[in-house]
PDB file of N, CA and C in Angstrom:
ATOM      1  N   MET A   1       0.777  -1.296   0.068  1.00  0.00           N
ATOM      2  CA  MET A   1       0.130  -0.046  -0.260  1.00  0.00           C
ATOM      3  C   MET A   1       0.827   1.310  -0.094  1.00  0.00           C
ATOM      4  N   LYS A   2       1.718   1.275   0.767  1.00  0.00           N
ATOM      5  CA  LYS A   2       3.182   2.236   0.135  1.00  0.00           C
ATOM      6  C   LYS A   2       3.260   2.927  -0.706  1.00  0.00           C
ATOM      7  N   THR A   3       3.505   1.887  -2.024  1.00  0.00           N
ATOM      8  CA  THR A   3       3.310   2.409  -3.084  1.00  0.00           C
ATOM      9  C   THR A   3       2.602   3.386  -3.900  1.00  0.00           C
ATOM     10  N   LEU A   4       1.000   3.585  -3.153  1.00  0.00           N
ATOM     11  CA  LEU A   4       0.308   4.563  -3.274  1.00  0.00           C
ATOM     12  C   LEU A   4       0.033   5.377  -2.332  1.00  0.00           C
ATOM     13  N   LEU A   5       1.222   5.260  -1.663  1.00  0.00           N
ATOM     14  CA  LEU A   5       1.300   7.149  -1.026  1.00  0.00           C
ATOM     15  C   LEU A   5       2.635   7.778  -2.015  1.00  0.00           C
ATOM     16  N   ASN A   6       3.209   7.154  -2.200  1.00  0.00           N
ATOM     17  CA  ASN A   6       4.773   8.022  -2.983  1.00  0.00           C
ATOM     18  C   ASN A   6       3.987   9.555  -3.185  1.00  0.00           C
ATOM     19  N   PRO A   7       4.930   9.839  -2.992  1.00  0.00           N
ATOM     20  CA  PRO A   7       4.795  12.104  -2.823  1.00  0.00           C
ATOM     21  C   PRO A   7       4.804  12.320  -4.735  1.00  0.00           C
ATOM     22  N   TRP A   8       4.833  11.741  -5.335  1.00  0.00           N
ATOM     23  CA  TRP A   8       5.257  11.804  -6.987  1.00  0.00           C
ATOM     24  C   TRP A   8       3.619  11.462  -7.377  1.00  0.00           C
ATOM     25  N   PHE A   9       3.127  10.178  -7.211  1.00  0.00           N
ATOM     26  CA  PHE A   9       2.168   9.176  -7.496  1.00  0.00           C
ATOM     27  C   PHE A   9       1.575  10.528  -7.085  1.00  0.00           C
ATOM     28  N   ILE A  10       1.041  11.105  -6.011  1.00  0.00           N
ATOM     29  CA  ILE A  10       0.098  11.825  -5.488  1.00  0.00           C
ATOM     30  C   ILE A  10      -0.177  12.828  -6.080  1.00  0.00           C
ATOM     31  N   ILE A  11       0.667  13.453  -6.124  1.00  0.00           N
ATOM     32  CA  ILE A  11       0.385  15.227  -6.954  1.00  0.00           C
ATOM     33  C   ILE A  11       0.473  14.406  -8.876  1.00  0.00           C
ATOM     34  N   GLY A  12       1.082  13.552  -8.819  1.00  0.00           N
ATOM     35  CA  GLY A  12       0.246  13.207 -10.542  1.00  0.00           C
ATOM     36  C   GLY A  12      -1.134  13.489 -10.490  1.00  0.00           C
ATOM     37  N   CYS A  13      -1.704  12.318  -9.652  1.00  0.00           N
ATOM     38  CA  CYS A  13      -3.001  12.206  -9.363  1.00  0.00           C
ATOM     39  C   CYS A  13      -3.922  13.363  -9.403  1.00  0.00           C
ATOM     40  N   LEU A  14      -3.474  13.848  -8.898  1.00  0.00           N
ATOM     41  CA  LEU A  14      -4.155  15.754  -8.454  1.00  0.00           C
ATOM     42  C   LEU A  14      -3.860  16.532  -9.286  1.00  0.00           C
ATOM     43  N   THR A  15      -2.453  16.559 -10.202  1.00  0.00           N
ATOM     44  CA  THR A  15      -3.043  17.183 -11.094  1.00  0.00           C
ATOM     45  C   THR A  15      -3.528  16.756 -12.026  1.00  0.00           C
ATOM     46  N   TRP A  16      -3.924  15.270 -12.857  1.00  0.00           N
ATOM     47  CA  TRP A  16      -4.784  14.914 -13.321  1.00  0.00           C
ATOM     48  C   TRP A  16      -6.408  15.165 -13.319  1.00  0.00           C
ATOM     49  N   VAL A  17      -6.535  14.977 -11.526  1.00  0.00           N
ATOM     50  CA  VAL A  17      -7.865  15.390 -11.708  1.00  0.00           C
ATOM     51  C   VAL A  17      -8.273  17.248 -11.653  1.00  0.00           C
ATOM     52  N   MET A  18      -7.058  17.671 -11.359  1.00  0.00           N
ATOM     53  CA  MET A  18      -6.724  19.589 -11.496  1.00  0.00           C
ATOM     54  C   MET A  18      -7.171  20.022 -12.767  1.00  0.00           C
ATOM     55  N   VAL A  19      -6.341  19.527 -13.971  1.00  0.00           N
ATOM     56  CA  VAL A  19      -6.917  19.494 -15.074  1.00  0.00           C
ATOM     57  C   VAL A  19      -7.973  19.601 -16.010  1.00  0.00           C
ATOM     58  N   LEU A  20      -8.610  17.750 -15.189  1.00  0.00           N
ATOM     59  CA  LEU A  20     -10.036  17.494 -15.790  1.00  0.00           C
ATOM     60  C   LEU A  20     -10.776  18.460 -15.064  1.00  0.00           C
ATOM     61  N   ILE A  21     -11.247  18.664 -13.975  1.00  0.00           N
ATOM     62  CA  ILE A  21     -11.796  19.847 -13.821  1.00  0.00           C
ATOM     63  C   ILE A  21     -11.697  21.143 -14.283  1.00  0.00           C
ATOM     64  N   LEU A  22     -10.968  21.343 -14.438  1.00  0.00           N
ATOM     65  CA  LEU A  22     -10.497  22.921 -15.051  1.00  0.00           C
ATOM     66  C   LEU A  22     -10.662  22.645 -16.467  1.00  0.00           C
ATOM     67  N   ARG A  23     -11.069  21.816 -16.983  1.00  0.00           N
ATOM     68  CA  ARG A  23     -11.371  22.274 -18.618  1.00  0.00           C
ATOM     69  C   ARG A  23     -12.749  21.659 -18.613  1.00  0.00           C
ATOM     70  N   ARG A  24     -13.141  20.661 -17.509  1.00  0.00           N
ATOM     71  CA  ARG A  24     -14.710  20.770 -17.223  1.00  0.00           C
ATOM     72  C   ARG A  24     -15.960  21.879 -17.306  1.00  0.00           C
ATOM     73  N   ILE A  25     -15.071  23.158 -16.359  1.00  0.00           N
ATOM     74  CA  ILE A  25     -15.871  24.119 -16.253  1.00  0.00           C
ATOM     75  C   ILE A  25     -14.931  25.248 -17.200  1.00  0.00           C
ATOM     76  N   ASP A  26     -14.270  25.094 -18.398  1.00  0.00           N
ATOM     77  CA  ASP A  26     -13.752  25.516 -19.179  1.00  0.00           C
ATOM     78  C   ASP A  26     -13.156  26.599 -19.178  1.00  0.00           C
ATOM     79  N   HIS A  27     -11.774  26.296 -18.176  1.00  0.00           N
ATOM     80  CA  HIS A  27     -10.945  27.406 -17.695  1.00  0.00           C
ATOM     81  C   HIS A  27      -9.707  26.286 -17.696  1.00  0.00           C
ATOM     82  N   PRO A  28      -9.672  26.155 -19.404  1.00  0.00           N
ATOM     83  CA  PRO A  28      -7.782  25.267 -19.312  1.00  0.00           C
ATOM     84  C   PRO A  28      -6.793  25.775 -18.841  1.00  0.00           C
ATOM     85  N   LEU A  29      -5.899  25.078 -18.410  1.00  0.00           N
ATOM     86  CA  LEU A  29      -4.471  25.929 -17.358  1.00  0.00           C
ATOM     87  C   LEU A  29      -3.932  26.160 -18.893  1.00  0.00           C
ATOM     88  N   PRO A  30      -3.814  27.552 -19.850  1.00  0.00           N
ATOM     89  CA  PRO A  30      -3.369  27.770 -21.149  1.00  0.00           C
ATOM     90  C   PRO A  30      -1.304  26.985 -20.914  1.00  0.00           C
ATOM     91  N   TYR A  31      -1.258  26.349 -21.805  1.00  0.00           N
ATOM     92  CA  TYR A  31      -0.250  25.953 -22.218  1.00  0.00           C
ATOM     93  C   TYR A  31       0.034  24.472 -21.316  1.00  0.00           C
ATOM     94  N   LEU A  32       0.256  24.460 -20.322  1.00  0.00           N
ATOM     95  CA  LEU A  32       0.214  23.133 -19.110  1.00  0.00           C
ATOM     96  C   LEU A  32      -1.432  22.026 -19.649  1.00  0.00           C
ATOM     97  N   ASN A  33      -2.620  22.469 -20.211  1.00  0.00           N
ATOM     98  CA  ASN A  33      -3.167  21.760 -20.453  1.00  0.00           C
ATOM     99  C   ASN A  33      -3.075  20.318 -21.005  1.00  0.00           C
ATOM    100  N   GLY A  34      -2.716  20.629 -21.851  1.00  0.00           N
ATOM    101  CA  GLY A  34      -2.326  19.802 -22.952  1.00  0.00           C
ATOM    102  C   GLY A  34      -1.232  19.256 -23.275  1.00  0.00           C
ATOM    103  N   TYR A  35      -0.137  19.099 -21.698  1.00  0.00           N
ATOM    104  CA  TYR A  35       1.152  18.720 -21.685  1.00  0.00           C
ATOM    105  C   TYR A  35       1.187  17.530 -20.383  1.00  0.00           C
ATOM    106  N   ILE A  36       0.885  18.859 -19.731  1.00  0.00           N
ATOM    107  CA  ILE A  36       1.060  18.134 -17.405  1.00  0.00           C
ATOM    108  C   ILE A  36       0.759  17.081 -17.550  1.00  0.00           C
ATOM    109  N   ASN A  37      -0.572  16.766 -17.620  1.00  0.00           N
ATOM    110  CA  ASN A  37      -0.835  14.855 -17.913  1.00  0.00           C
ATOM    111  C   ASN A  37       0.139  14.067 -18.387  1.00  0.00           C
ATOM    112  N   ASP A  38       0.580  14.420 -19.623  1.00  0.00           N
ATOM    113  CA  ASP A  38       1.249  13.686 -20.432  1.00  0.00           C
ATOM    114  C   ASP A  38       2.502  12.968 -19.418  1.00  0.00           C
ATOM    115  N   ALA A  39       3.336  13.974 -18.643  1.00  0.00           N
ATOM    116  CA  ALA A  39       4.472  14.093 -17.629  1.00  0.00           C
ATOM    117  C   ALA A  39       4.264  13.649 -16.767  1.00  0.00           C
ATOM    118  N   PHE A  40       2.736  13.391 -16.659  1.00  0.00           N
ATOM    119  CA  PHE A  40       2.828  12.785 -15.034  1.00  0.00           C
ATOM    120  C   PHE A  40       1.813  10.857 -15.747  1.00  0.00           C
ATOM    121  N   ALA A  41       1.856  11.097 -16.796  1.00  0.00           N
ATOM    122  CA  ALA A  41       1.501   9.693 -17.008  1.00  0.00           C
ATOM    123  C   ALA A  41       1.928   8.676 -16.884  1.00  0.00           C
ATOM    124  N   ILE A  42       3.199   8.103 -17.647  1.00  0.00           N
ATOM    125  CA  ILE A  42       3.876   7.124 -17.003  1.00  0.00           C
ATOM    126  C   ILE A  42       4.529   7.251 -15.429  1.00  0.00           C
ATOM    127  N   PRO A  43       4.274   8.091 -15.220  1.00  0.00           N
ATOM    128  CA  PRO A  43       4.933   7.582 -13.296  1.00  0.00           C
ATOM    129  C   PRO A  43       3.518   7.097 -13.039  1.00  0.00           C
ATOM    130  N   VAL A  44       2.918   7.678 -13.532  1.00  0.00           N
ATOM    131  CA  VAL A  44       1.230   7.124 -12.566  1.00  0.00           C
ATOM    132  C   VAL A  44       0.779   5.715 -13.105  1.00  0.00           C
ATOM    133  N   ILE A  45       1.470   5.423 -14.330  1.00  0.00           N
ATOM    134  CA  ILE A  45       0.432   4.369 -15.052  1.00  0.00           C
ATOM    135  C   ILE A  45       1.710   2.905 -14.566  1.00  0.00           C
ATOM    136  N   ALA A  46       2.676   3.448 -14.418  1.00  0.00           N
ATOM    137  CA  ALA A  46       4.462   2.593 -13.857  1.00  0.00           C
ATOM    138  C   ALA A  46       4.017   2.282 -12.390  1.00  0.00           C
ATOM    139  N   ASN A  47       3.541   3.267 -11.555  1.00  0.00           N
ATOM    140  CA  ASN A  47       3.687   3.300 -10.200  1.00  0.00           C
ATOM    141  C   ASN A  47       2.049   2.418  -9.791  1.00  0.00           C
ATOM    142  N   LEU A  48       1.520   2.588 -10.631  1.00  0.00           N
ATOM    143  CA  LEU A  48       0.293   1.649 -10.444  1.00  0.00           C
ATOM    144  C   LEU A  48       0.229  -0.081 -10.218  1.00  0.00           C
ATOM    145  N   GLY A  49       1.468   0.133 -11.727  1.00  0.00           N
ATOM    146  CA  GLY A  49       1.839  -1.547 -12.159  1.00  0.00           C
ATOM    147  C   GLY A  49       2.540  -1.994 -11.678  1.00  0.00           C
ATOM    148  N   LEU A  50       3.776  -1.476 -10.623  1.00  0.00           N
ATOM    149  CA  LEU A  50       4.636  -1.634  -9.636  1.00  0.00           C
ATOM    150  C   LEU A  50       3.637  -2.153  -8.169  1.00  0.00           C
ATOM    151  N   TRP A  51       2.785  -1.834  -8.106  1.00  0.00           N
ATOM    152  CA  TRP A  51       1.617  -1.566  -6.693  1.00  0.00           C
ATOM    153  C   TRP A  51       1.088  -2.509  -7.058  1.00  0.00           C
ATOM    154  N   PHE A  52       0.443  -3.086  -8.147  1.00  0.00           N
ATOM    155  CA  PHE A  52      -0.141  -4.608  -8.694  1.00  0.00           C
ATOM    156  C   PHE A  52       0.935  -5.837  -8.013  1.00  0.00           C
ATOM    157  N   ASN A  53       1.617  -5.650  -9.070  1.00  0.00           N
ATOM    158  CA  ASN A  53       3.056  -6.496  -8.882  1.00  0.00           C
ATOM    159  C   ASN A  53       3.730  -7.138  -7.696  1.00  0.00           C
ATOM    160  N   ARG A  54       3.608  -5.602  -6.801  1.00  0.00           N
ATOM    161  CA  ARG A  54       4.260  -5.743  -5.110  1.00  0.00           C
ATOM    162  C   ARG A  54       2.838  -6.375  -4.194  1.00  0.00           C
ATOM    163  N   GLU A  55       1.969  -5.920  -4.746  1.00  0.00           N
ATOM    164  CA  GLU A  55       0.055  -6.740  -3.786  1.00  0.00           C
ATOM    165  C   GLU A  55      -0.145  -8.108  -4.360  1.00  0.00           C
ATOM    166  N   PHE A  56      -0.048  -8.006  -5.302  1.00  0.00           N
ATOM    167  CA  PHE A  56      -0.821  -9.476  -6.010  1.00  0.00           C
ATOM    168  C   PHE A  56       0.107 -10.621  -6.873  1.00  0.00           C
ATOM    169  N   ILE A  57       1.393  -9.963  -7.296  1.00  0.00           N
ATOM    170  CA  ILE A  57       1.897 -11.212  -8.171  1.00  0.00           C
ATOM    171  C   ILE A  57       3.108 -11.337  -7.160  1.00  0.00           C
ATOM    172  N   ILE A  58       4.264 -10.608  -6.947  1.00  0.00           N
ATOM    173  CA  ILE A  58       5.462 -10.542  -6.251  1.00  0.00           C
ATOM    174  C   ILE A  58       5.920 -10.789  -5.095  1.00  0.00           C
ATOM    175  N   LYS A  59       4.243 -10.152  -4.002  1.00  0.00           N
ATOM    176  CA  LYS A  59       4.074  -9.848  -2.553  1.00  0.00           C
ATOM    177  C   LYS A  59       5.766  -9.328  -2.100  1.00  0.00           C
ATOM    178  N   ASN A  60       5.654  -9.167  -2.279  1.00  0.00           N
ATOM    179  CA  ASN A  60       7.602  -7.983  -1.987  1.00  0.00           C
ATOM    180  C   ASN A  60       7.409  -7.183  -2.491  1.00  0.00           C
ATOM    181  N   ASP A  61       7.533  -6.342  -1.168  1.00  0.00           N
ATOM    182  CA  ASP A  61       8.038  -4.839  -1.277  1.00  0.00           C
ATOM    183  C   ASP A  61       9.072  -4.427  -1.747  1.00  0.00           C
ATOM    184  N   TYR A  62      10.056  -5.160  -1.953  1.00  0.00           N
ATOM    185  CA  TYR A  62      11.112  -4.592  -2.053  1.00  0.00           C
ATOM    186  C   TYR A  62      11.032  -4.912  -4.053  1.00  0.00           C
ATOM    187  N   TYR A  63      10.416  -5.437  -4.407  1.00  0.00           N
ATOM    188  CA  TYR A  63      10.599  -5.705  -5.923  1.00  0.00           C
ATOM    189  C   TYR A  63      10.313  -4.168  -6.276  1.00  0.00           C
ATOM    190  N   ILE A  64      11.310  -4.340  -7.618  1.00  0.00           N
ATOM    191  CA  ILE A  64      11.213  -2.609  -8.425  1.00  0.00           C
ATOM    192  C   ILE A  64      10.511  -3.114  -9.928  1.00  0.00           C
ATOM    193  N   LEU A  65      10.517  -2.362 -11.244  1.00  0.00           N
ATOM    194  CA  LEU A  65      10.247  -2.624 -12.430  1.00  0.00           C
ATOM    195  C   LEU A  65      11.382  -2.805 -12.656  1.00  0.00           C
ATOM    196  N   SER A  66      11.994  -3.827 -13.745  1.00  0.00           N
ATOM    197  CA  SER A  66      13.324  -3.389 -14.821  1.00  0.00           C
ATOM    198  C   SER A  66      12.619  -2.398 -15.673  1.00  0.00           C
ATOM    199  N   LYS A  67      14.372  -2.311 -16.265  1.00  0.00           N
ATOM    200  CA  LYS A  67      14.417  -1.194 -17.117  1.00  0.00           C
ATOM    201  C   LYS A  67      13.339  -1.511 -18.028  1.00  0.00           C
ATOM    202  N   ARG A  68      13.338  -2.776 -18.367  1.00  0.00           N
ATOM    203  CA  ARG A  68      12.709  -3.030 -19.780  1.00  0.00           C
ATOM    204  C   ARG A  68      11.156  -3.125 -19.553  1.00  0.00           C
ATOM    205  N   GLN A  69      10.639  -3.002 -18.836  1.00  0.00           N
ATOM    206  CA  GLN A  69       8.966  -3.044 -18.380  1.00  0.00           C
ATOM    207  C   GLN A  69       8.623  -1.650 -18.683  1.00  0.00           C
ATOM    208  N   VAL A  70       9.749  -0.798 -17.915  1.00  0.00           N
ATOM    209  CA  VAL A  70       9.592   0.789 -17.713  1.00  0.00           C
ATOM    210  C   VAL A  70       9.564   1.113 -19.693  1.00  0.00           C
ATOM    211  N   ILE A  71      10.592   0.603 -20.498  1.00  0.00           N
ATOM    212  CA  ILE A  71      10.435   0.858 -21.707  1.00  0.00           C
ATOM    213  C   ILE A  71       8.846   0.408 -22.059  1.00  0.00           C
ATOM    214  N   PHE A  72       9.153  -0.829 -21.932  1.00  0.00           N
ATOM    215  CA  PHE A  72       7.527  -1.429 -22.455  1.00  0.00           C
ATOM    216  C   PHE A  72       6.110  -0.691 -22.117  1.00  0.00           C
ATOM    217  N   ILE A  73       6.437   0.022 -21.081  1.00  0.00           N
ATOM    218  CA  ILE A  73       5.243   1.088 -20.275  1.00  0.00           C
ATOM    219  C   ILE A  73       5.022   2.097 -21.592  1.00  0.00           C
ATOM    220  N   VAL A  74       6.136   2.785 -21.569  1.00  0.00           N
ATOM    221  CA  VAL A  74       6.078   3.604 -22.701  1.00  0.00           C
ATOM    222  C   VAL A  74       6.575   3.989 -24.214  1.00  0.00           C
ATOM    223  N   VAL A  75       6.649   2.968 -24.660  1.00  0.00           N
ATOM    224  CA  VAL A  75       5.885   2.164 -25.841  1.00  0.00           C
ATOM    225  C   VAL A  75       4.990   2.494 -26.295  1.00  0.00           C
ATOM    226  N   TYR A  76       3.994   1.667 -25.140  1.00  0.00           N
ATOM    227  CA  TYR A  76       3.677   1.143 -25.718  1.00  0.00           C
ATOM    228  C   TYR A  76       1.983   2.236 -25.194  1.00  0.00           C
ATOM    229  N   VAL A  77       2.311   2.980 -24.240  1.00  0.00           N
ATOM    230  CA  VAL A  77       1.140   4.465 -24.113  1.00  0.00           C
ATOM    231  C   VAL A  77       1.647   5.247 -25.359  1.00  0.00           C
ATOM    232  N   ALA A  78       2.596   5.492 -25.748  1.00  0.00           N
ATOM    233  CA  ALA A  78       3.214   6.066 -27.191  1.00  0.00           C
ATOM    234  C   ALA A  78       2.415   5.823 -28.048  1.00  0.00           C
ATOM    235  N   ILE A  79       2.344   4.176 -28.323  1.00  0.00           N
ATOM    236  CA  ILE A  79       2.074   3.713 -29.783  1.00  0.00           C
ATOM    237  C   ILE A  79       0.270   3.899 -30.053  1.00  0.00           C
ATOM    238  N   VAL A  80      -0.179   3.940 -28.030  1.00  0.00           N
ATOM    239  CA  VAL A  80      -1.844   3.722 -28.171  1.00  0.00           C
ATOM    240  C   VAL A  80      -2.189   4.842 -28.171  1.00  0.00           C
ATOM    241  N   PHE A  81      -1.302   6.324 -27.626  1.00  0.00           N
ATOM    242  CA  PHE A  81      -2.070   6.968 -27.523  1.00  0.00           C
ATOM    243  C   PHE A  81      -1.599   8.107 -28.703  1.00  0.00           C
ATOM    244  N   GLU A  82      -0.658   7.721 -29.004  1.00  0.00           N
ATOM    245  CA  GLU A  82       0.293   8.670 -30.069  1.00  0.00           C
ATOM    246  C   GLU A  82      -0.276   8.086 -31.461  1.00  0.00           C
ATOM    247  N   GLY A  83      -0.810   6.760 -31.577  1.00  0.00           N
ATOM    248  CA  GLY A  83      -0.042   6.506 -33.272  1.00  0.00           C
ATOM    249  C   GLY A  83      -1.989   5.498 -33.304  1.00  0.00           C
ATOM    250  N   PHE A  84      -2.653   4.454 -32.544  1.00  0.00           N
ATOM    251  CA  PHE A  84      -3.377   3.922 -32.875  1.00  0.00           C
ATOM    252  C   PHE A  84      -4.721   4.767 -32.450  1.00  0.00           C
ATOM    253  N   LEU A  85      -4.848   5.737 -31.283  1.00  0.00           N
ATOM    254  CA  LEU A  85      -5.933   5.754 -31.149  1.00  0.00           C
ATOM    255  C   LEU A  85      -6.135   7.676 -32.139  1.00  0.00           C
ATOM    256  N   PRO A  86      -5.487   8.934 -32.606  1.00  0.00           N
ATOM    257  CA  PRO A  86      -5.868   8.813 -33.234  1.00  0.00           C
ATOM    258  C   PRO A  86      -6.008   8.466 -34.588  1.00  0.00           C
ATOM    259  N   TYR A  87      -5.742   8.233 -35.112  1.00  0.00           N
ATOM    260  CA  TYR A  87      -5.811   6.895 -36.221  1.00  0.00           C
ATOM    261  C   TYR A  87      -7.333   6.456 -36.846  1.00  0.00           C
ATOM    262  N   LEU A  88      -8.001   6.389 -35.610  1.00  0.00           N
ATOM    263  CA  LEU A  88      -9.725   5.494 -34.930  1.00  0.00           C
ATOM    264  C   LEU A  88     -10.272   7.036 -34.964  1.00  0.00           C
ATOM    265  N   SER A  89      -9.717   8.079 -34.324  1.00  0.00           N
ATOM    266  CA  SER A  89     -10.561   8.430 -33.620  1.00  0.00           C
ATOM    267  C   SER A  89     -10.409  10.292 -34.431  1.00  0.00           C
ATOM    268  N   LYS A  90     -11.433  11.424 -34.482  1.00  0.00           N
ATOM    269  CA  LYS A  90     -10.553  12.803 -34.549  1.00  0.00           C
ATOM    270  C   LYS A  90     -10.490  13.748 -33.013  1.00  0.00           C
ATOM    271  N   ASN A  91     -11.177  12.631 -32.415  1.00  0.00           N
ATOM    272  CA  ASN A  91     -10.675  13.210 -30.635  1.00  0.00           C
ATOM    273  C   ASN A  91      -9.839  13.049 -30.387  1.00  0.00           C
ATOM    274  N   TYR A  92      -8.487  12.282 -30.914  1.00  0.00           N
ATOM    275  CA  TYR A  92      -7.301  12.275 -30.377  1.00  0.00           C
ATOM    276  C   TYR A  92      -6.697  12.722 -31.599  1.00  0.00           C
ATOM    277  N   THR A  93      -5.205  13.491 -31.058  1.00  0.00           N
ATOM    278  CA  THR A  93      -4.451  13.509 -32.177  1.00  0.00           C
ATOM    279  C   THR A  93      -2.549  13.484 -31.704  1.00  0.00           C
ATOM    280  N   ALA A  94      -2.133  13.235 -32.939  1.00  0.00           N
ATOM    281  CA  ALA A  94      -0.566  12.776 -32.445  1.00  0.00           C
ATOM    282  C   ALA A  94       0.058  14.116 -32.262  1.00  0.00           C
ATOM    283  N   ASP A  95       0.989  13.664 -31.164  1.00  0.00           N
ATOM    284  CA  ASP A  95       1.889  14.601 -31.080  1.00  0.00           C
ATOM    285  C   ASP A  95       3.044  14.184 -30.776  1.00  0.00           C
ATOM    286  N   TRP A  96       4.389  14.562 -30.706  1.00  0.00           N
ATOM    287  CA  TRP A  96       5.459  13.440 -30.689  1.00  0.00           C
ATOM    288  C   TRP A  96       5.933  14.732 -29.150  1.00  0.00           C
ATOM    289  N   ILE A  97       5.395  15.970 -29.100  1.00  0.00           N
ATOM    290  CA  ILE A  97       5.461  16.023 -28.121  1.00  0.00           C
ATOM    291  C   ILE A  97       5.843  15.604 -26.995  1.00  0.00           C
ATOM    292  N   ASP A  98       4.167  15.048 -27.075  1.00  0.00           N
ATOM    293  CA  ASP A  98       3.854  14.234 -25.936  1.00  0.00           C
ATOM    294  C   ASP A  98       4.842  13.162 -25.540  1.00  0.00           C
ATOM    295  N   VAL A  99       5.101  12.551 -26.696  1.00  0.00           N
ATOM    296  CA  VAL A  99       5.896  11.113 -26.490  1.00  0.00           C
ATOM    297  C   VAL A  99       7.312  11.445 -26.349  1.00  0.00           C
ATOM    298  N   LEU A 100       7.852  12.781 -26.449  1.00  0.00           N
ATOM    299  CA  LEU A 100       8.962  13.289 -25.420  1.00  0.00           C
ATOM    300  C   LEU A 100       8.723  13.323 -24.086  1.00  0.00           C
ATOM    301  N   LEU A 101       7.401  13.305 -24.060  1.00  0.00           N
ATOM    302  CA  LEU A 101       7.196  13.776 -22.794  1.00  0.00           C
ATOM    303  C   LEU A 101       6.973  12.380 -21.397  1.00  0.00           C
ATOM    304  N   TYR A 102       6.022  11.079 -22.480  1.00  0.00           N
ATOM    305  CA  TYR A 102       6.578  10.197 -21.969  1.00  0.00           C
ATOM    306  C   TYR A 102       7.684   9.145 -21.810  1.00  0.00           C
ATOM    307  N   ILE A 103       8.487   9.387 -22.758  1.00  0.00           N
ATOM    308  CA  ILE A 103      10.262   9.707 -22.377  1.00  0.00           C
ATOM    309  C   ILE A 103      10.601  10.310 -20.883  1.00  0.00           C
ATOM    310  N   PHE A 104      10.471  10.981 -20.624  1.00  0.00           N
ATOM    311  CA  PHE A 104      10.906  11.972 -19.810  1.00  0.00           C
ATOM    312  C   PHE A 104      10.151  11.208 -18.441  1.00  0.00           C
ATOM    313  N   GLY A 105       8.917  10.464 -18.573  1.00  0.00           N
ATOM    314  CA  GLY A 105       7.662  10.652 -17.477  1.00  0.00           C
ATOM    315  C   GLY A 105       8.495   9.251 -17.114  1.00  0.00           C
ATOM    316  N   GLY A 106       9.170   8.314 -18.211  1.00  0.00           N
ATOM    317  CA  GLY A 106       9.599   7.233 -17.937  1.00  0.00           C
ATOM    318  C   GLY A 106      10.991   6.750 -17.324  1.00  0.00           C
ATOM    319  N   LEU A 107      11.815   7.594 -17.840  1.00  0.00           N
ATOM    320  CA  LEU A 107      13.093   8.004 -17.038  1.00  0.00           C
ATOM    321  C   LEU A 107      12.647   8.834 -15.402  1.00  0.00           C
ATOM    322  N   PHE A 108      11.899   9.687 -15.739  1.00  0.00           N
ATOM    323  CA  PHE A 108      12.028  10.152 -14.304  1.00  0.00           C
ATOM    324  C   PHE A 108      11.351   8.956 -13.148  1.00  0.00           C
ATOM    325  N   PHE A 109      10.331   8.208 -13.696  1.00  0.00           N
ATOM    326  CA  PHE A 109       9.412   6.947 -12.923  1.00  0.00           C
ATOM    327  C   PHE A 109      10.987   6.139 -12.330  1.00  0.00           C
ATOM    328  N   TYR A 110      11.672   5.761 -13.530  1.00  0.00           N
ATOM    329  CA  TYR A 110      13.000   4.802 -13.466  1.00  0.00           C
ATOM    330  C   TYR A 110      13.638   5.341 -11.697  1.00  0.00           C
ATOM    331  N   LYS A 111      14.384   6.115 -12.257  1.00  0.00           N
ATOM    332  CA  LYS A 111      14.882   6.908 -11.849  1.00  0.00           C
ATOM    333  C   LYS A 111      14.521   7.471 -10.175  1.00  0.00           C
ATOM    334  N   VAL A 112      13.511   8.001  -9.972  1.00  0.00           N
ATOM    335  CA  VAL A 112      13.202   8.823  -8.935  1.00  0.00           C
ATOM    336  C   VAL A 112      12.393   7.374  -8.097  1.00  0.00           C
ATOM    337  N   MET A 113      11.191   7.192  -8.766  1.00  0.00           N
ATOM    338  CA  MET A 113       9.713   7.211  -7.822  1.00  0.00           C
ATOM    339  C   MET A 113      10.050   5.339  -7.878  1.00  0.00           C
ATOM    340  N   ASN A 114      11.131   4.351  -9.284  1.00  0.00           N
ATOM    341  CA  ASN A 114      11.073   3.125  -9.089  1.00  0.00           C
ATOM    342  C   ASN A 114      11.954   2.776  -7.920  1.00  0.00           C
ATOM    343  N   ARG A 115      11.632   2.535  -6.897  1.00  0.00           N
ATOM    344  CA  ARG A 115      12.650   2.525  -5.728  1.00  0.00           C
ATOM    345  C   ARG A 115      11.806   1.212  -4.360  1.00  0.00           C
ATOM    346  N   ALA A 116      12.535   0.565  -3.890  1.00  0.00           N
ATOM    347  CA  ALA A 116      11.392  -0.651  -3.032  1.00  0.00           C
ATOM    348  C   ALA A 116      11.448  -0.179  -1.941  1.00  0.00           C
ATOM    349  N   GLN A 117      10.502  -0.343  -1.366  1.00  0.00           N
ATOM    350  CA  GLN A 117       9.927  -0.161  -0.345  1.00  0.00           C
ATOM    351  C   GLN A 117      10.759  -0.223   1.479  1.00  0.00           C
ATOM    352  N   ILE A 118      11.518   0.476   2.389  1.00  0.00           N
ATOM    353  CA  ILE A 118      11.980   0.066   3.412  1.00  0.00           C
ATOM    354  C   ILE A 118      11.538   0.939   4.692  1.00  0.00           C
ATOM    355  N   GLU A 119      11.062  -0.576   5.519  1.00  0.00           N
ATOM    356  CA  GLU A 119      10.398   0.473   5.964  1.00  0.00           C
ATOM    357  C   GLU A 119      11.013   0.839   7.099  1.00  0.00           C
ATOM    358  N   HIS A 120      10.792   1.997   7.953  1.00  0.00           N
ATOM    359  CA  HIS A 120      11.909   2.416   9.286  1.00  0.00           C
ATOM    360  C   HIS A 120      11.472   1.976  10.812  1.00  0.00           C
ATOM    361  N   ARG A 121      12.389   1.300  11.262  1.00  0.00           N
ATOM    362  CA  ARG A 121      11.717   0.838  12.614  1.00  0.00           C
ATOM    363  C   ARG A 121      12.994   1.903  13.640  1.00  0.00           C
ATOM    364  N   SER A 122      12.009   2.262  14.721  1.00  0.00           N
ATOM    365  CA  SER A 122      12.524   3.084  15.235  1.00  0.00           C
ATOM    366  C   SER A 122      13.390   2.145  16.510  1.00  0.00           C
TER     367      SER A 122
END
């Protein structure tokens, strides 16, 4: 459960909610509206995957995602959201900046967030 309490994960989720609410009330954030959620997408998705693995598959708080797993998440999200969905629907647009933000988010997750949970004992 500690995996879901990672401050970066919480910030990413709260940012997504804030952007969504501001869009719904017709006050999108200039410049950030289209990109801030893309920057947090991979850290949030990868952290959810890490949590799922720790809780249900591996059942070990020391487990971390491998470099290959993080790369897979980045490539998969980029293909689906910047290639496949824009091809299927006019509601989606392909944007190479989003792909760069997914890569940045993947690097950030791998270097900063992808850590074993260590219990602090007094």
